[in-house]
Protein backbone atom coordinates (compact mmCIF):
# COMPACT_ATOMS: atom_id res chain seq x y z
CA MET A 1 -12.48 -7.05 9.62
CA ASP A 2 -9.36 -7.78 11.66
CA VAL A 3 -10.77 -6.35 14.83
CA LYS A 4 -7.73 -7.32 16.98
CA GLY A 5 -5.17 -5.62 14.66
CA VAL A 6 -7.22 -2.37 14.43
CA ALA A 7 -7.52 -2.31 18.07
CA TYR A 8 -3.84 -2.84 18.50
CA GLU A 9 -3.10 -0.12 16.22
CA GLU A 10 -5.37 2.24 17.88
CA ILE A 11 -3.79 1.54 21.36
CA VAL A 12 -0.26 2.02 20.19
CA GLY A 13 -0.71 4.50 17.51
CA SER A 14 -0.58 7.55 19.63
CA ASN A 15 2.79 6.75 20.93
CA LEU A 16 4.39 5.99 17.66
CA ARG A 17 3.00 8.17 14.77
CA GLY A 18 4.43 11.33 13.28
CA ASP A 19 7.85 11.64 15.03
CA ARG A 20 9.81 10.70 11.79
CA GLY A 21 7.24 11.82 9.20
CA GLU A 22 5.20 8.60 9.83
CA PHE A 23 1.60 8.79 9.36
CA PHE A 24 -0.12 5.48 9.23
CA THR A 25 -2.20 4.83 6.08
CA PRO A 26 -5.93 4.62 6.92
CA ARG A 27 -7.31 1.00 6.42
CA ASN A 28 -9.91 2.05 3.85
CA ALA A 29 -7.00 3.43 1.64
CA CYS A 30 -5.02 0.20 2.28
CA ARG A 31 -8.06 -1.80 1.20
CA MET A 32 -8.56 0.26 -1.94
CA ALA A 33 -4.95 -0.18 -3.07
CA VAL A 34 -5.04 -3.76 -2.31
CA ALA A 35 -8.27 -4.29 -4.30
CA MET A 36 -6.86 -2.41 -7.18
CA LEU A 37 -3.66 -4.43 -7.51
CA ASN A 38 -5.18 -7.66 -6.42
CA PRO A 39 -2.14 -9.54 -5.03
CA GLN A 40 -2.22 -13.35 -5.54
CA PRO A 41 -1.06 -16.03 -3.25
CA GLY A 42 1.88 -17.06 -5.40
CA GLU A 43 3.22 -13.41 -5.42
CA LYS A 44 5.94 -11.98 -3.16
CA LEU A 45 4.65 -8.93 -1.22
CA LEU A 46 6.73 -6.03 0.37
CA ASP A 47 6.30 -2.80 2.22
CA PRO A 48 9.69 -1.31 2.57
CA CYS A 49 8.41 1.18 5.20
CA CYS A 50 5.75 -0.92 6.79
CA GLY A 51 5.03 1.01 10.05
CA THR A 52 2.67 -1.07 12.13
CA GLY A 53 1.98 -3.35 9.12
CA GLY A 54 -1.39 -2.12 8.02
CA PHE A 55 -0.66 -2.39 4.20
CA LEU A 56 1.02 -5.74 4.70
CA ILE A 57 -1.87 -7.18 6.85
CA THR A 58 -4.43 -5.89 4.27
CA ALA A 59 -2.63 -7.50 1.26
CA MET A 60 -1.82 -10.65 3.23
CA ASN A 61 -5.45 -11.22 4.21
CA HIS A 62 -6.64 -10.51 0.66
CA ALA A 63 -4.24 -13.04 -0.83
CA LEU A 64 -5.15 -15.71 1.92
CA ARG A 65 -8.81 -15.32 1.13
CA ILE A 66 -8.06 -16.20 -2.56
CA LEU A 67 -5.96 -19.03 -1.44
CA GLN A 68 -8.71 -20.20 0.78
CA ASP A 69 -11.46 -19.97 -1.76
CA THR A 70 -9.25 -21.79 -4.36
CA GLU A 71 -8.55 -24.62 -2.05
CA ARG A 72 -12.17 -24.99 -0.97
CA ALA A 73 -13.40 -25.14 -4.44
CA GLU A 74 -11.42 -28.35 -5.06
CA TRP A 75 -12.67 -30.02 -1.93
CA ALA A 76 -15.13 -32.96 -2.52
CA ASP A 77 -17.36 -31.47 0.37
CA PRO A 78 -16.59 -27.85 1.19
CA GLN A 79 -18.76 -27.99 4.37
CA HIS A 80 -16.81 -31.03 5.64
CA PRO A 81 -13.19 -31.12 4.56
CA THR A 82 -11.19 -34.15 5.28
CA ASP A 83 -8.14 -34.07 7.54
CA ALA A 84 -5.93 -34.25 4.52
CA GLU A 85 -7.69 -31.32 2.84
CA ARG A 86 -7.38 -29.17 5.90
CA GLN A 87 -3.83 -30.02 6.30
CA GLU A 88 -3.06 -29.09 2.72
CA LEU A 89 -4.66 -25.70 3.03
CA TYR A 90 -2.67 -25.04 6.20
CA ARG A 91 0.53 -26.04 4.52
CA LYS A 92 -0.08 -23.63 1.62
CA ARG A 93 -1.16 -20.91 3.94
CA SER A 94 2.00 -21.34 6.09
CA GLU A 95 4.16 -21.50 3.04
CA PHE A 96 2.71 -18.10 1.76
CA LEU A 97 3.11 -16.33 5.17
CA SER A 98 6.75 -17.43 5.59
CA LYS A 99 7.98 -16.96 2.09
CA LYS A 100 5.85 -14.30 0.46
CA VAL A 101 5.16 -11.57 2.97
CA PHE A 102 7.96 -9.14 3.97
CA GLY A 103 8.28 -5.63 5.61
CA PHE A 104 11.21 -3.32 6.39
CA ASP A 105 11.23 -0.19 8.59
CA LEU A 106 13.89 2.00 9.92
CA ASN A 107 12.19 2.57 13.29
CA PRO A 108 12.68 -0.34 15.61
CA SER A 109 9.69 0.51 17.70
CA LEU A 110 7.47 0.32 14.59
CA VAL A 111 9.12 -3.00 13.65
CA ARG A 112 8.22 -4.41 17.07
CA ALA A 113 4.68 -2.88 16.77
CA ALA A 114 4.35 -4.55 13.25
CA LYS A 115 5.45 -7.98 14.55
CA MET A 116 2.94 -7.95 17.29
CA ASN A 117 0.24 -6.79 14.86
CA MET A 118 1.05 -9.55 12.52
CA VAL A 119 0.65 -12.04 15.45
CA MET A 120 -2.51 -10.45 16.50
CA ASN A 121 -3.63 -11.06 12.92
CA ASN A 122 -2.85 -14.76 13.08
CA ASP A 123 0.43 -14.77 11.38
CA GLY A 124 4.05 -15.18 12.21
CA GLU A 125 6.32 -12.17 12.04
CA GLY A 126 9.68 -13.75 10.53
CA GLY A 127 9.43 -11.52 7.35
CA LEU A 128 9.78 -8.38 9.17
CA PHE A 129 13.18 -6.51 9.57
CA GLN A 130 14.52 -3.33 10.96
CA GLN A 131 16.69 -1.71 8.44
CA ASN A 132 17.07 1.34 6.32
CA SER A 133 15.48 0.40 2.89
CA LEU A 134 17.14 3.42 1.21
CA ALA A 135 20.61 2.24 2.31
CA HIS A 136 22.72 0.02 0.03
CA PRO A 137 21.65 -3.58 0.16
CA HIS A 138 24.94 -4.62 1.29
CA THR A 139 24.26 -3.08 4.65
CA TRP A 140 21.02 -4.79 5.13
CA ASN A 141 20.35 -7.80 7.44
CA PRO A 142 21.74 -10.71 5.51
CA GLU A 143 18.58 -12.80 5.89
CA ALA A 144 16.62 -9.85 4.54
CA SER A 145 18.91 -9.30 1.52
CA LYS A 146 18.87 -12.83 0.63
CA ALA A 147 15.02 -13.24 0.94
CA VAL A 148 14.14 -9.80 -0.78
CA PRO A 149 16.88 -8.97 -3.35
CA LEU A 150 16.35 -5.99 -5.57
CA GLY A 151 14.28 -7.03 -8.63
CA SER A 152 12.52 -9.99 -6.91
CA VAL A 153 9.21 -8.56 -5.71
CA ASP A 154 5.78 -8.99 -7.32
CA VAL A 155 3.81 -6.39 -5.46
CA VAL A 156 4.95 -3.45 -3.29
CA PHE A 157 2.52 -1.41 -1.17
CA THR A 158 3.97 1.51 0.79
CA ASN A 159 3.22 4.83 2.32
CA PRO A 160 6.87 6.41 2.80
CA PRO A 161 7.73 8.98 5.40
CA PHE A 162 7.53 12.34 3.95
CA GLY A 163 8.37 15.93 5.11
CA ALA A 164 10.86 18.74 4.81
CA ASN A 165 12.42 18.05 8.24
CA ILE A 166 13.71 14.47 7.41
CA VAL A 167 15.84 14.76 4.22
CA ILE A 168 18.36 12.24 3.35
CA ASP A 169 21.88 13.92 3.14
CA ASP A 170 24.27 10.90 3.20
CA GLN A 171 26.08 10.89 -0.05
CA LEU A 172 26.74 7.12 0.06
CA ILE A 173 22.98 6.59 0.19
CA LEU A 174 22.20 9.27 -2.45
CA ASP A 175 24.74 7.87 -4.82
CA GLN A 176 22.66 4.76 -5.51
CA TYR A 177 20.00 6.81 -7.16
CA ASP A 178 19.58 8.68 -10.50
CA ILE A 179 16.67 10.53 -8.97
CA SER A 180 18.98 12.20 -6.45
CA ALA A 181 21.23 13.76 -9.06
CA ILE A 182 21.08 17.51 -10.13
CA TRP A 183 18.88 17.64 -13.23
CA ASP A 184 18.69 20.48 -15.74
CA VAL A 185 16.09 21.40 -18.24
CA GLU A 186 15.65 23.74 -21.29
CA LEU A 187 12.31 25.03 -22.28
CA GLY A 188 10.40 22.33 -24.59
CA LYS A 189 13.25 19.71 -24.12
CA PRO A 190 13.70 16.71 -21.62
CA TRP A 191 15.47 16.96 -18.40
CA VAL A 192 19.02 15.93 -18.50
CA MET A 193 21.13 14.68 -15.52
CA ARG A 194 24.04 16.86 -14.78
CA VAL A 195 27.48 15.12 -14.82
CA GLY A 196 30.90 16.20 -13.85
CA LYS A 197 34.15 16.15 -15.88
CA ASP A 198 34.68 12.51 -14.89
CA GLY A 199 31.38 11.49 -16.27
CA LYS A 200 29.82 10.72 -12.85
CA LYS A 201 26.44 12.25 -11.96
CA LEU A 202 26.43 15.31 -9.76
CA LEU A 203 24.48 14.73 -6.61
CA GLN A 204 22.18 17.15 -4.72
CA LYS A 205 23.13 17.99 -1.22
CA SER A 206 19.95 16.43 0.21
CA VAL A 207 16.79 14.96 -1.06
CA PRO A 208 13.34 14.15 0.72
CA PRO A 209 12.96 10.42 1.46
CA GLU A 210 9.64 10.00 -0.45
CA ILE A 211 11.48 10.99 -3.62
CA LEU A 212 14.22 8.33 -3.13
CA PHE A 213 11.64 5.76 -2.20
CA ILE A 214 9.99 6.14 -5.70
CA GLN A 215 13.17 4.72 -7.32
CA ARG A 216 13.91 2.31 -4.52
CA CYS A 217 10.45 0.69 -4.65
CA VAL A 218 10.76 0.33 -8.50
CA GLN A 219 14.04 -1.41 -8.07
CA PHE A 220 12.48 -3.88 -5.77
CA LEU A 221 9.98 -4.86 -8.48
CA LYS A 222 10.36 -7.55 -10.91
CA PRO A 223 11.18 -5.98 -14.42
CA GLY A 224 8.12 -6.08 -16.71
CA THR A 225 5.69 -7.45 -14.23
CA GLY A 226 6.25 -6.07 -10.84
CA ARG A 227 3.73 -3.48 -9.76
CA MET A 228 3.21 -1.16 -6.80
CA ALA A 229 0.87 1.15 -4.96
CA MET A 230 2.44 4.17 -3.16
CA VAL A 231 1.17 7.15 -1.53
CA ILE A 232 2.92 10.15 -3.11
CA PRO A 233 2.62 13.80 -2.04
CA ASN A 234 0.95 15.91 -4.81
CA GLY A 235 3.90 18.26 -4.87
CA ILE A 236 6.01 15.48 -6.60
CA LEU A 237 3.22 15.18 -9.19
CA ASN A 238 2.66 18.83 -10.14
CA ASN A 239 5.73 20.90 -8.79
CA PRO A 240 7.46 22.09 -12.02
CA ALA A 241 10.85 21.98 -10.25
CA LEU A 242 10.26 18.25 -9.70
CA GLY A 243 9.62 17.55 -13.43
CA TYR A 244 12.81 15.21 -13.67
CA VAL A 245 11.10 12.92 -11.02
CA ARG A 246 7.98 12.60 -13.11
CA GLN A 247 10.26 12.12 -16.27
CA TRP A 248 12.05 9.37 -14.50
CA MET A 249 8.79 7.64 -13.54
CA LEU A 250 7.54 7.79 -17.25
CA GLU A 251 10.86 6.38 -18.48
CA ASN A 252 10.82 3.31 -16.06
CA THR A 253 7.40 2.71 -15.13
CA GLN A 254 3.98 2.45 -16.62
CA ILE A 255 1.42 4.55 -14.67
CA LEU A 256 -1.52 2.27 -14.00
CA ALA A 257 -3.75 4.73 -11.99
CA VAL A 258 -3.69 7.86 -10.00
CA VAL A 259 -6.22 8.47 -7.21
CA ASP A 260 -6.23 12.06 -5.77
CA MET A 261 -6.99 11.57 -2.16
CA ASP A 262 -8.96 14.00 -0.11
CA ARG A 263 -6.76 16.38 1.93
CA ASP A 264 -8.13 15.03 5.12
CA LEU A 265 -6.81 11.50 4.57
CA PHE A 266 -4.08 11.77 7.19
CA GLN A 267 -5.88 14.17 9.59
CA PRO A 268 -5.82 15.03 12.31
CA LYS A 269 -2.09 14.52 12.19
CA ASN A 270 -1.07 15.77 8.79
CA ASP A 271 -2.87 17.69 6.04
CA THR A 272 -0.55 16.99 3.12
CA GLN A 273 -2.40 16.46 -0.18
CA THR A 274 -1.55 13.07 -1.48
CA SER A 275 -2.47 10.64 -4.41
CA MET A 276 -2.33 6.78 -4.44
CA VAL A 277 -0.26 6.05 -7.48
CA LEU A 278 -0.19 2.59 -9.02
CA LEU A 279 2.81 1.61 -11.32
CA ARG A 280 4.25 -1.24 -13.17
CA ARG A 281 7.93 -1.54 -13.70
CA LEU A 282 8.94 -1.59 -17.41
CA SER A 283 11.15 -4.16 -18.95
CA ASP A 284 14.48 -3.20 -20.11
CA ASP A 285 13.14 -3.13 -23.63
CA GLU A 286 10.11 -1.07 -22.69
CA SER A 287 12.27 1.43 -20.80
CA ARG A 288 14.48 1.91 -23.92
CA ILE A 289 11.51 2.81 -25.96
CA ALA A 290 10.01 5.13 -23.25
CA LYS A 291 13.42 6.87 -23.07
CA GLY A 292 13.31 7.25 -26.88
CA ARG A 293 10.01 7.95 -28.43
CA GLY A 294 7.92 7.43 -25.24
CA LEU A 295 4.97 4.93 -24.65
CA SER A 296 1.36 5.58 -25.29
CA TYR A 297 -1.22 3.99 -22.91
CA PRO A 298 -4.38 4.80 -21.03
CA ILE A 299 -4.25 5.75 -17.35
CA PHE A 300 -7.06 5.41 -14.75
CA MET A 301 -7.55 8.71 -12.89
CA SER A 302 -9.94 9.40 -10.03
CA ILE A 303 -10.64 12.06 -7.30
CA ALA A 304 -11.83 10.72 -4.00
CA GLU A 305 -13.63 13.52 -2.35
CA LYS A 306 -14.84 11.55 0.60
CA ILE A 307 -12.67 9.24 2.60
CA GLY A 308 -14.74 8.35 5.54
CA HIS A 309 -13.58 10.92 8.15
CA ASP A 310 -13.15 14.67 8.59
CA LYS A 311 -10.23 16.82 9.51
CA ARG A 312 -10.70 15.90 13.21
CA GLY A 313 -10.57 12.25 12.37
CA SER A 314 -14.19 11.80 13.15
CA THR A 315 -16.12 9.29 11.11
CA ILE A 316 -18.56 11.08 8.59
CA PHE A 317 -21.89 9.32 7.40
CA ARG A 318 -23.75 9.92 4.10
CA ARG A 319 -26.76 12.21 4.37
CA THR A 320 -29.55 13.04 2.09
CA ALA A 321 -29.83 16.49 0.33
CA ASP A 322 -31.78 17.97 3.29
CA GLY A 323 -29.09 16.70 5.75
CA HIS A 324 -30.64 13.45 7.15
CA GLU A 325 -28.45 10.51 7.78
CA ILE A 326 -28.94 7.75 5.28
CA LEU A 327 -29.92 4.33 6.79
CA VAL A 328 -29.80 0.87 5.31
CA ALA A 329 -31.86 -1.84 6.94
CA ARG A 330 -30.65 -5.38 7.24
CA LYS A 331 -32.25 -8.55 8.69
CA GLU A 332 -30.47 -10.22 11.66
CA LEU A 333 -31.25 -13.26 13.89
CA VAL A 334 -31.26 -12.74 17.67
CA THR A 335 -31.50 -15.19 20.51
CA GLU A 336 -33.74 -14.20 23.48
CA ILE A 337 -34.80 -15.96 26.69
CA HIS A 338 -38.57 -16.40 26.78
CA LYS A 339 -39.85 -14.66 29.99
CA LYS A 340 -42.18 -17.35 31.00
CA THR A 341 -40.56 -20.64 29.94
CA GLY A 342 -36.94 -19.71 30.18
CA ASP A 343 -36.46 -21.24 26.82
CA GLU A 344 -34.11 -19.72 23.97
CA VAL A 345 -36.10 -18.06 21.14
CA ILE A 346 -34.70 -17.18 17.86
CA ARG A 347 -36.39 -14.23 16.06
CA GLU A 348 -35.58 -12.05 13.14
CA THR A 349 -35.20 -8.31 13.57
CA GLU A 350 -34.60 -5.45 11.50
CA ILE A 351 -31.51 -3.25 12.22
CA LYS A 352 -30.84 0.18 10.47
CA ASP A 353 -27.07 1.07 9.85
CA LYS A 354 -25.50 4.34 9.03
CA ILE A 355 -23.42 4.40 5.79
CA VAL A 356 -19.88 5.78 6.22
CA ASP A 357 -19.24 8.55 3.47
CA ASP A 358 -16.25 6.91 1.84
CA GLU A 359 -15.80 6.83 -1.87
CA LEU A 360 -12.62 4.58 -1.91
CA PRO A 361 -14.39 1.29 -2.20
CA GLU A 362 -16.27 2.69 -5.29
CA VAL A 363 -12.79 3.82 -6.76
CA ALA A 364 -11.63 0.24 -6.57
CA GLU A 365 -14.89 -1.09 -8.18
CA ALA A 366 -14.50 1.59 -11.00
CA TYR A 367 -11.05 0.68 -11.58
CA ALA A 368 -11.96 -3.04 -11.90
CA LYS A 369 -14.61 -2.09 -14.59
CA TRP A 370 -12.15 0.02 -16.33
CA LEU A 371 -9.58 -2.75 -16.54
CA GLU A 372 -12.14 -5.09 -18.06
CA LYS A 373 -12.84 -2.54 -20.88
CA GLN A 374 -9.06 -2.30 -21.65
CA GLN A 375 -8.85 -6.03 -22.24
């Protein structure tokens, strides 16, 4: 576990979170999403609202472990690599970190925090930029728009800001998105975008950012192959008035998985009911079919009732039916000083650990097994 990064987030978190709808994603939720999408060292990663970098660091470390294991498997002696082998691993690691890991955020304080967090996790911070991901790409930092143009990203991980008090009402921003238009529906028929006499879409006066981020994140992905994990409020997934959002998602993406998260996920700061939704961007041909007769495919669904903490943010541990904490024994070598001789003595001892009551690792494992059955 990246202890330095976690400690840093804990120290700065109380001064940064929640003022603009920002509620940092718990690390166990990040690990679940990263394990499910399994980013590889050759893939470009992006979090367009990166906060302090939790998602990025989790995904980055996952890909780096794969890179390191792959390189070590090719060494003649994995226990004693040559200087050339070490340098090649360092070169590939540096290339991945400099060319494949990117993050944007509107809040300059969070960007500075994320850069320091990346440094604390043994990485540079050149791929992090302060900018409005929802604004037109022409307004972005030139270096960022060149490095991460729309349609170029392999994997997106994100938890966008959400809340009724931070709606987007800039018409220049809203004009970029179909999902910001006014949509109409008749019973039993698809939603239809409302257009004016000039044939242009009619825009809503304001739209919550979490809705716009759905389309923006899909726009970032490579058509046909790009995939993403996004924390989405359940209101978007079940509110009848937002059926056009779900229709847009079904016409432009393949829903890979939906994990209904416990309401306490963002507690003690926020109790919004959310789901982790995994999507793949459809190719143009697939999208045409989806808009016509629709696509048929299986979707992985899960309910995570235990997420490792309660509504106060306190860690909860697994218990037996009669209320006793479940302990798991493990062996550990300890070094002691002999009282008489003063020599170091190594002995084996048994330590009993509590088990955090967290189902998210099990969800990731179940998804991996489910994927195997689909192949």
